[in-house]
Each structure stands twice: as structure tokens, then as C-alpha cells.
N, C-alpha and C. Protein backbone atom coordinates (compact mmCIF):
# COMPACT_ATOMS: atom_id res chain seq x y z
N UNK A 1 66.42 109.44 115.29
CA UNK A 1 67.06 108.92 114.40
C UNK A 1 68.42 109.46 114.60
N UNK A 2 69.50 108.63 114.26
CA UNK A 2 70.89 108.81 114.52
C UNK A 2 71.56 109.29 113.16
N UNK A 3 72.50 110.01 113.19
CA UNK A 3 73.23 110.91 112.05
C UNK A 3 74.73 110.57 112.27
N UNK A 4 75.37 110.42 111.32
CA UNK A 4 76.93 110.45 111.24
C UNK A 4 77.32 111.11 109.86
N UNK A 5 78.54 111.57 110.10
CA UNK A 5 79.40 112.16 108.95
C UNK A 5 80.37 111.34 108.50
N UNK A 6 80.30 110.87 107.20
CA UNK A 6 81.35 109.88 106.54
C UNK A 6 82.29 110.83 105.96
N UNK A 7 83.70 110.83 106.09
CA UNK A 7 84.73 111.61 105.44
C UNK A 7 85.13 110.34 104.47
N UNK A 8 85.27 110.62 103.31
CA UNK A 8 85.62 109.34 102.33
C UNK A 8 86.77 109.80 101.48
N UNK A 9 87.77 108.68 101.37
CA UNK A 9 89.03 108.90 101.02
C UNK A 9 89.54 107.77 100.13
N UNK A 10 90.45 107.73 99.40
CA UNK A 10 91.40 106.89 98.92
C UNK A 10 92.82 106.62 99.42
N UNK A 11 93.15 105.24 99.75
CA UNK A 11 94.48 105.21 100.33
C UNK A 11 95.45 105.34 98.92
N UNK A 12 96.78 105.19 99.36
CA UNK A 12 97.78 105.20 98.35
C UNK A 12 97.75 104.07 97.32
N UNK A 13 97.02 102.95 97.53
CA UNK A 13 96.69 101.77 96.73
C UNK A 13 95.32 102.00 95.93
N UNK A 14 94.59 103.16 96.29
CA UNK A 14 93.64 103.14 95.58
C UNK A 14 92.17 102.74 96.16
N UNK A 15 92.54 102.15 97.33
CA UNK A 15 91.39 101.44 98.24
C UNK A 15 90.41 102.58 98.81
N UNK A 16 89.23 102.34 98.90
CA UNK A 16 88.20 103.27 99.62
C UNK A 16 88.48 103.07 101.28
N UNK A 17 88.52 104.39 101.86
CA UNK A 17 88.70 104.51 103.16
C UNK A 17 87.63 105.39 103.62
N UNK A 18 87.47 105.34 105.02
CA UNK A 18 86.44 106.49 105.64
C UNK A 18 86.60 106.66 107.08
N UNK A 19 86.25 107.77 107.35
CA UNK A 19 86.35 108.22 108.92
C UNK A 19 84.93 108.66 109.13
N UNK A 20 84.33 108.04 110.27
CA UNK A 20 83.04 108.19 110.69
C UNK A 20 83.02 109.14 111.88
N UNK A 21 82.18 110.09 111.84
CA UNK A 21 82.09 111.12 112.95
C UNK A 21 80.71 111.05 113.29
N UNK A 22 80.55 110.74 114.68
CA UNK A 22 79.12 110.45 115.33
C UNK A 22 78.82 111.85 115.79
N UNK A 23 77.43 112.05 115.69
CA UNK A 23 76.83 113.41 116.01
C UNK A 23 77.66 114.44 115.48
N UNK A 24 77.81 114.75 114.24
CA UNK A 24 78.31 115.74 113.59
C UNK A 24 77.56 117.08 113.65
N UNK A 25 78.37 118.13 113.43
CA UNK A 25 77.55 119.62 113.30
C UNK A 25 76.64 119.35 112.13
N UNK A 26 75.55 119.94 112.10
CA UNK A 26 74.46 119.94 111.05
C UNK A 26 74.96 121.02 110.13
N UNK A 27 74.34 120.86 108.88
CA UNK A 27 74.60 121.99 107.84
C UNK A 27 75.88 122.31 107.32
N UNK A 28 76.74 121.41 107.35
CA UNK A 28 78.08 121.87 107.04
C UNK A 28 78.07 122.04 105.28
N UNK A 29 78.69 123.21 105.23
CA UNK A 29 78.89 123.63 103.81
C UNK A 29 79.87 122.86 103.11
N UNK A 30 79.82 122.75 101.51
CA UNK A 30 80.99 122.02 100.93
C UNK A 30 82.22 122.49 101.28
N UNK A 31 82.42 123.68 101.45
CA UNK A 31 83.65 124.35 101.79
C UNK A 31 84.20 123.87 103.03
N UNK A 32 83.51 123.98 104.07
CA UNK A 32 83.93 123.10 105.42
C UNK A 32 84.24 121.71 105.27
N UNK A 33 83.45 120.93 104.54
CA UNK A 33 83.66 119.63 104.38
C UNK A 33 84.90 119.31 103.68
N UNK A 34 85.24 120.24 102.42
CA UNK A 34 86.54 119.90 101.83
C UNK A 34 87.66 120.55 102.63
N UNK A 35 87.54 121.42 103.54
CA UNK A 35 88.58 121.76 104.36
C UNK A 35 88.88 120.80 105.30
N UNK A 36 87.88 119.97 105.97
CA UNK A 36 88.28 119.09 106.85
C UNK A 36 89.07 117.75 106.22
N UNK A 37 88.46 117.38 104.81
CA UNK A 37 89.12 116.34 104.24
C UNK A 37 90.43 116.62 103.87
N UNK A 38 90.70 118.04 103.46
CA UNK A 38 92.06 118.46 103.05
C UNK A 38 93.27 118.36 104.27
N UNK A 39 92.59 118.83 105.34
CA UNK A 39 93.43 118.80 106.54
C UNK A 39 93.95 117.56 106.88
N UNK A 40 92.93 116.46 106.73
CA UNK A 40 93.25 115.04 107.23
C UNK A 40 94.40 114.71 106.06
N UNK A 41 94.17 114.91 104.77
CA UNK A 41 95.07 114.44 103.92
C UNK A 41 96.51 115.10 104.23
N UNK A 42 96.39 116.41 104.49
CA UNK A 42 97.88 117.02 104.52
C UNK A 42 98.48 116.71 105.71
N UNK A 43 97.70 116.40 106.78
CA UNK A 43 98.39 115.99 108.01
C UNK A 43 99.33 114.92 107.89
N UNK A 44 99.29 114.06 107.13
CA UNK A 44 100.04 113.02 106.71
C UNK A 44 100.62 112.21 107.95
N UNK A 45 99.64 111.80 108.78
CA UNK A 45 99.95 111.19 109.87
C UNK A 45 99.40 109.66 110.05
N UNK A 46 98.76 109.28 109.20
CA UNK A 46 97.92 108.07 109.24
C UNK A 46 98.43 106.86 108.15
N UNK A 47 99.13 106.01 108.74
CA UNK A 47 99.84 105.13 107.86
C UNK A 47 99.64 103.60 108.02
N UNK A 48 99.59 102.70 107.08
CA UNK A 48 99.22 101.32 107.34
C UNK A 48 100.71 100.47 107.96
N UNK A 49 100.38 99.25 108.07
CA UNK A 49 101.67 98.60 108.50
C UNK A 49 102.60 98.47 107.72
N UNK A 50 102.63 98.75 106.38
CA UNK A 50 103.72 98.68 105.49
C UNK A 50 104.16 100.34 105.19
N UNK A 51 103.55 101.16 105.88
CA UNK A 51 103.97 102.60 105.73
C UNK A 51 103.22 103.40 104.52
N UNK A 52 102.16 102.69 104.04
CA UNK A 52 101.26 103.23 103.06
C UNK A 52 100.49 104.50 103.53
N UNK A 53 100.18 105.38 102.86
CA UNK A 53 99.25 106.40 103.33
C UNK A 53 97.77 106.07 103.30
N UNK A 54 97.21 105.97 104.36
CA UNK A 54 95.95 105.53 104.65
C UNK A 54 94.87 106.58 103.94
N UNK A 55 95.12 107.71 104.04
CA UNK A 55 94.06 108.70 103.39
C UNK A 55 94.83 109.89 102.69
N UNK A 56 95.17 109.10 101.52
CA UNK A 56 95.94 109.99 100.49
C UNK A 56 95.13 110.86 99.66
N UNK A 57 93.99 110.65 99.30
CA UNK A 57 93.17 111.35 98.40
C UNK A 57 91.85 111.69 99.12
N UNK A 58 91.42 112.92 99.09
CA UNK A 58 89.95 113.29 99.61
C UNK A 58 89.07 112.93 98.36
N UNK A 59 87.92 112.24 98.82
CA UNK A 59 86.96 111.92 97.83
C UNK A 59 85.59 112.49 97.96
N UNK A 60 85.32 112.56 99.36
CA UNK A 60 84.00 113.55 99.45
C UNK A 60 83.52 113.27 100.95
N UNK A 61 82.52 114.01 101.28
CA UNK A 61 81.85 113.78 102.69
C UNK A 61 80.34 113.81 102.39
N UNK A 62 79.78 113.07 103.37
CA UNK A 62 78.17 112.74 103.25
C UNK A 62 77.72 112.44 104.66
N UNK A 63 76.52 112.86 104.77
CA UNK A 63 75.68 112.50 105.93
C UNK A 63 74.98 111.28 105.87
N UNK A 64 74.95 110.58 107.02
CA UNK A 64 74.29 109.19 106.76
C UNK A 64 73.38 109.19 107.87
N UNK A 65 72.01 108.88 107.72
CA UNK A 65 71.05 109.03 108.83
C UNK A 65 70.55 107.43 108.96
N UNK A 66 70.23 107.12 110.10
CA UNK A 66 69.55 105.88 110.47
C UNK A 66 68.50 105.92 111.37
N UNK A 67 67.34 105.29 111.03
CA UNK A 67 66.07 105.57 111.89
C UNK A 67 65.78 103.96 112.28
N UNK A 68 65.58 103.57 113.67
CA UNK A 68 65.28 102.68 114.15
C UNK A 68 63.92 102.46 114.58
N UNK A 69 63.14 101.42 114.03
CA UNK A 69 61.79 101.33 114.53
C UNK A 69 61.54 99.47 114.98
N UNK A 70 61.52 99.74 116.49
CA UNK A 70 61.22 98.22 116.98
C UNK A 70 59.98 97.71 116.54
N UNK A 71 60.15 96.27 116.20
CA UNK A 71 59.03 95.48 115.84
C UNK A 71 58.60 94.76 117.11
N UNK A 72 59.47 94.30 117.94
CA UNK A 72 58.97 93.37 119.26
C UNK A 72 60.15 93.65 120.12
N UNK A 73 59.62 94.00 121.48
CA UNK A 73 60.54 94.16 122.63
C UNK A 73 60.08 93.16 123.67
N UNK A 74 61.03 92.27 123.96
CA UNK A 74 60.73 91.46 125.27
C UNK A 74 60.63 92.14 126.36
N UNK A 75 59.23 92.07 127.05
CA UNK A 75 59.02 92.81 128.16
C UNK A 75 59.87 92.39 129.31
N UNK A 76 60.38 91.06 129.21
CA UNK A 76 61.01 90.50 130.46
C UNK A 76 62.50 90.60 130.29
N UNK A 77 63.06 91.05 129.32
CA UNK A 77 64.38 91.49 129.18
C UNK A 77 65.01 92.77 129.83
């Protein structure tokens, strides 16, 4: 099963944005997640083509797990 951490934000126009971290550290505390989100917002280094802040507001963080179960695999492939 693969696991990712999604850091969720709103840009300056209110559009949802996210940063995906593959193979994150397990068992992050809410404080650690909030600190990571706040650091990205405060860095103020990510801007769109027209200069808009892409990560203006921290929204939250969540783990996303995905499990793959093969149904058929071609033995000749």
C-alpha cells in the first residue's frame, strides 16, 4: 500500500491547491503538520503567471493511502 501526505491550501483567488509528499513520515502530529503548512505560506516564494500567491492560506493536511490489487497480469508482458 502506498501512502502520501497532502498539504492543502487556498491560493489568493480562493482556488484549492495541494502539495503532495510521497513516502511521508508516519504519525505526524497536528502541530507538526500546521508548522509545515505555515512555513510554506510564510515562505512567500510560489507565485502564478500573473504574480498571484499560489499558497496564500493553509487549509489542512491529510494522509492518503492507496492499495493496488491486480486482477489480471499478462504473463507474456
